[in-house]
Amino acid sequence: MDTTPVPESTTDTSALGCQAAHGYISDKDRYLARLKRIEGQARGIHRMVDEEQYCIDILTQISALTSALRNVGLGLLDDHMKHCVADAAQLGGEAADAKFKEVSDAIARIVRA
């Protein structure tokens, strides 16, 4: 798991061009439902280890969990670019520069994961 500290700039969205609600708000229920399923997958993996199930079966489930998390992350990234980054780009200047750096750093974190 990445323990890199989150830059403070990512918590102050209004200063960086995300003027209204976050871009994922329209899909919030879908994201929450998917995250709930992911929690269940993680509990299932825990149970598999506890029950000393076959290594390859556990690794298969870990791969599925990793893919599910990556898909949630990519969806959030897409929403962020369509909403917050687009808003900042319209404003231009330092707000846009900061938002582009922020999204570039987020992409780098997803690629490393």
C-alpha atoms as a PDB file:
ATOM      1  CA  MET A   1       0.000   0.000   0.000  1.00  0.00           C
ATOM      2  CA  ASP A   2       1.301   3.463  -0.876  1.00  0.00           C
ATOM      3  CA  THR A   3       2.162   5.435   2.248  1.00  0.00           C
ATOM      4  CA  THR A   4       3.136   8.595   0.387  1.00  0.00           C
ATOM      5  CA  PRO A   5       1.637  11.590   2.212  1.00  0.00           C
ATOM      6  CA  VAL A   6      -1.214  13.276   0.401  1.00  0.00           C
ATOM      7  CA  PRO A   7      -0.273  16.853  -0.522  1.00  0.00           C
ATOM      8  CA  GLU A   8      -2.339  19.444   1.283  1.00  0.00           C
ATOM      9  CA  SER A   9      -3.362  20.952  -2.042  1.00  0.00           C
ATOM     10  CA  THR A  10      -5.562  17.927  -2.753  1.00  0.00           C
ATOM     11  CA  THR A  11      -7.750  18.737   0.235  1.00  0.00           C
ATOM     12  CA  ASP A  12      -8.457  22.360  -0.726  1.00  0.00           C
ATOM     13  CA  THR A  13     -10.405  21.845  -3.925  1.00  0.00           C
ATOM     14  CA  SER A  14     -11.965  25.292  -4.070  1.00  0.00           C
ATOM     15  CA  ALA A  15      -8.570  26.973  -4.309  1.00  0.00           C
ATOM     16  CA  LEU A  16      -7.619  24.679  -7.183  1.00  0.00           C
ATOM     17  CA  GLY A  17     -10.632  25.166  -9.411  1.00  0.00           C
ATOM     18  CA  CYS A  18     -13.190  22.612  -8.212  1.00  0.00           C
ATOM     19  CA  GLN A  19     -15.882  25.156  -7.406  1.00  0.00           C
ATOM     20  CA  ALA A  20     -18.950  22.960  -6.864  1.00  0.00           C
ATOM     21  CA  ALA A  21     -19.492  19.406  -5.661  1.00  0.00           C
ATOM     22  CA  HIS A  22     -16.944  16.766  -6.532  1.00  0.00           C
ATOM     23  CA  GLY A  23     -17.292  15.163  -9.963  1.00  0.00           C
ATOM     24  CA  TYR A  24     -18.139  11.723  -8.581  1.00  0.00           C
ATOM     25  CA  ILE A  25     -21.211  12.937  -6.664  1.00  0.00           C
ATOM     26  CA  SER A  26     -23.624  11.917  -9.419  1.00  0.00           C
ATOM     27  CA  ASP A  27     -22.259   8.351  -9.185  1.00  0.00           C
ATOM     28  CA  LYS A  28     -21.707   8.322  -5.425  1.00  0.00           C
ATOM     29  CA  ASP A  29     -24.194   5.505  -4.757  1.00  0.00           C
ATOM     30  CA  ARG A  30     -22.606   3.358  -7.464  1.00  0.00           C
ATOM     31  CA  TYR A  31     -19.130   3.966  -6.018  1.00  0.00           C
ATOM     32  CA  LEU A  32     -20.312   3.174  -2.505  1.00  0.00           C
ATOM     33  CA  ALA A  33     -21.977  -0.053  -3.657  1.00  0.00           C
ATOM     34  CA  ARG A  34     -18.809  -1.097  -5.489  1.00  0.00           C
ATOM     35  CA  LEU A  35     -16.663  -0.296  -2.453  1.00  0.00           C
ATOM     36  CA  LYS A  36     -18.992  -2.357  -0.265  1.00  0.00           C
ATOM     37  CA  ARG A  37     -18.493  -5.335  -2.611  1.00  0.00           C
ATOM     38  CA  ILE A  38     -14.737  -4.744  -2.463  1.00  0.00           C
ATOM     39  CA  GLU A  39     -14.899  -4.818   1.352  1.00  0.00           C
ATOM     40  CA  GLY A  40     -16.647  -8.169   1.076  1.00  0.00           C
ATOM     41  CA  GLN A  41     -13.925  -9.443  -1.246  1.00  0.00           C
ATOM     42  CA  ALA A  42     -11.257  -8.378   1.264  1.00  0.00           C
ATOM     43  CA  ARG A  43     -13.104 -10.160   4.087  1.00  0.00           C
ATOM     44  CA  GLY A  44     -13.347 -13.237   1.856  1.00  0.00           C
ATOM     45  CA  ILE A  45      -9.592 -13.220   1.301  1.00  0.00           C
ATOM     46  CA  HIS A  46      -9.059 -12.902   5.044  1.00  0.00           C
ATOM     47  CA  ARG A  47     -11.328 -15.896   5.588  1.00  0.00           C
ATOM     48  CA  MET A  48      -9.486 -17.896   2.912  1.00  0.00           C
ATOM     49  CA  VAL A  49      -6.148 -17.310   4.643  1.00  0.00           C
ATOM     50  CA  ASP A  50      -7.685 -18.120   8.010  1.00  0.00           C
ATOM     51  CA  GLU A  51      -9.042 -21.377   6.590  1.00  0.00           C
ATOM     52  CA  GLU A  52      -5.633 -22.117   4.999  1.00  0.00           C
ATOM     53  CA  GLN A  53      -7.016 -22.433   1.479  1.00  0.00           C
ATOM     54  CA  TYR A  54      -4.853 -23.077  -1.568  1.00  0.00           C
ATOM     55  CA  CYS A  55      -2.336 -20.297  -2.309  1.00  0.00           C
ATOM     56  CA  ILE A  56      -3.276 -19.910  -5.975  1.00  0.00           C
ATOM     57  CA  ASP A  57      -6.960 -19.519  -5.099  1.00  0.00           C
ATOM     58  CA  ILE A  58      -6.072 -16.737  -2.655  1.00  0.00           C
ATOM     59  CA  LEU A  59      -3.815 -15.055  -5.214  1.00  0.00           C
ATOM     60  CA  THR A  60      -6.629 -15.209  -7.770  1.00  0.00           C
ATOM     61  CA  GLN A  61      -8.936 -13.402  -5.356  1.00  0.00           C
ATOM     62  CA  ILE A  62      -6.243 -10.828  -4.573  1.00  0.00           C
ATOM     63  CA  SER A  63      -5.892 -10.175  -8.299  1.00  0.00           C
ATOM     64  CA  ALA A  64      -9.657  -9.665  -8.596  1.00  0.00           C
ATOM     65  CA  LEU A  65      -9.648  -7.303  -5.602  1.00  0.00           C
ATOM     66  CA  THR A  66      -6.734  -5.314  -7.019  1.00  0.00           C
ATOM     67  CA  SER A  67      -8.516  -4.996 -10.356  1.00  0.00           C
ATOM     68  CA  ALA A  68     -11.732  -3.860  -8.671  1.00  0.00           C
ATOM     69  CA  LEU A  69      -9.896  -1.169  -6.688  1.00  0.00           C
ATOM     70  CA  ARG A  70      -8.018  -0.013  -9.780  1.00  0.00           C
ATOM     71  CA  ASN A  71     -11.324   0.301 -11.670  1.00  0.00           C
ATOM     72  CA  VAL A  72     -12.819   2.430  -8.886  1.00  0.00           C
ATOM     73  CA  GLY A  73      -9.691   4.585  -8.926  1.00  0.00           C
ATOM     74  CA  LEU A  74      -9.809   5.013 -12.686  1.00  0.00           C
ATOM     75  CA  GLY A  75     -13.482   5.959 -12.524  1.00  0.00           C
ATOM     76  CA  LEU A  76     -12.786   8.574  -9.859  1.00  0.00           C
ATOM     77  CA  LEU A  77      -9.848   9.859 -11.880  1.00  0.00           C
ATOM     78  CA  ASP A  78     -12.034  10.173 -14.963  1.00  0.00           C
ATOM     79  CA  ASP A  79     -14.714  12.046 -12.985  1.00  0.00           C
ATOM     80  CA  HIS A  80     -12.037  14.305 -11.486  1.00  0.00           C
ATOM     81  CA  MET A  81     -10.630  15.202 -14.902  1.00  0.00           C
ATOM     82  CA  LYS A  82     -14.063  15.847 -16.412  1.00  0.00           C
ATOM     83  CA  HIS A  83     -15.124  18.037 -13.505  1.00  0.00           C
ATOM     84  CA  CYS A  84     -12.397  19.565 -11.356  1.00  0.00           C
ATOM     85  CA  VAL A  85      -9.599  19.650 -13.923  1.00  0.00           C
ATOM     86  CA  ALA A  86     -11.927  21.010 -16.612  1.00  0.00           C
ATOM     87  CA  ASP A  87     -13.120  23.738 -14.203  1.00  0.00           C
ATOM     88  CA  ALA A  88      -9.525  24.691 -13.376  1.00  0.00           C
ATOM     89  CA  ALA A  89      -8.548  24.713 -17.046  1.00  0.00           C
ATOM     90  CA  GLN A  90     -11.289  27.248 -17.758  1.00  0.00           C
ATOM     91  CA  LEU A  91      -9.968  29.469 -14.972  1.00  0.00           C
ATOM     92  CA  GLY A  92      -6.402  29.116 -16.216  1.00  0.00           C
ATOM     93  CA  GLY A  93      -3.365  30.424 -14.382  1.00  0.00           C
ATOM     94  CA  GLU A  94      -2.000  28.935 -11.194  1.00  0.00           C
ATOM     95  CA  ALA A  95      -5.232  27.097 -10.390  1.00  0.00           C
ATOM     96  CA  ALA A  96      -5.015  25.191 -13.673  1.00  0.00           C
ATOM     97  CA  ASP A  97      -1.298  24.498 -13.258  1.00  0.00           C
ATOM     98  CA  ALA A  98      -1.851  23.142  -9.756  1.00  0.00           C
ATOM     99  CA  LYS A  99      -4.791  20.973 -10.844  1.00  0.00           C
ATOM    100  CA  PHE A 100      -2.838  19.525 -13.796  1.00  0.00           C
ATOM    101  CA  LYS A 101       0.073  18.700 -11.460  1.00  0.00           C
ATOM    102  CA  GLU A 102      -2.327  17.138  -8.980  1.00  0.00           C
ATOM    103  CA  VAL A 103      -3.951  14.891 -11.605  1.00  0.00           C
ATOM    104  CA  SER A 104      -0.579  13.986 -13.098  1.00  0.00           C
ATOM    105  CA  ASP A 105       0.639  12.899  -9.650  1.00  0.00           C
ATOM    106  CA  ALA A 106      -2.564  10.873  -9.140  1.00  0.00           C
ATOM    107  CA  ILE A 107      -2.046   9.096 -12.466  1.00  0.00           C
ATOM    108  CA  ALA A 108       1.533   8.302 -11.476  1.00  0.00           C
ATOM    109  CA  ARG A 109       0.318   6.765  -8.198  1.00  0.00           C
ATOM    110  CA  ILE A 110      -2.231   4.602 -10.016  1.00  0.00           C
ATOM    111  CA  VAL A 111       0.347   3.444 -12.551  1.00  0.00           C
ATOM    112  CA  ARG A 112       2.813   2.521  -9.774  1.00  0.00           C
ATOM    113  CA  ALA A 113       0.198   0.542  -7.866  1.00  0.00           C
END
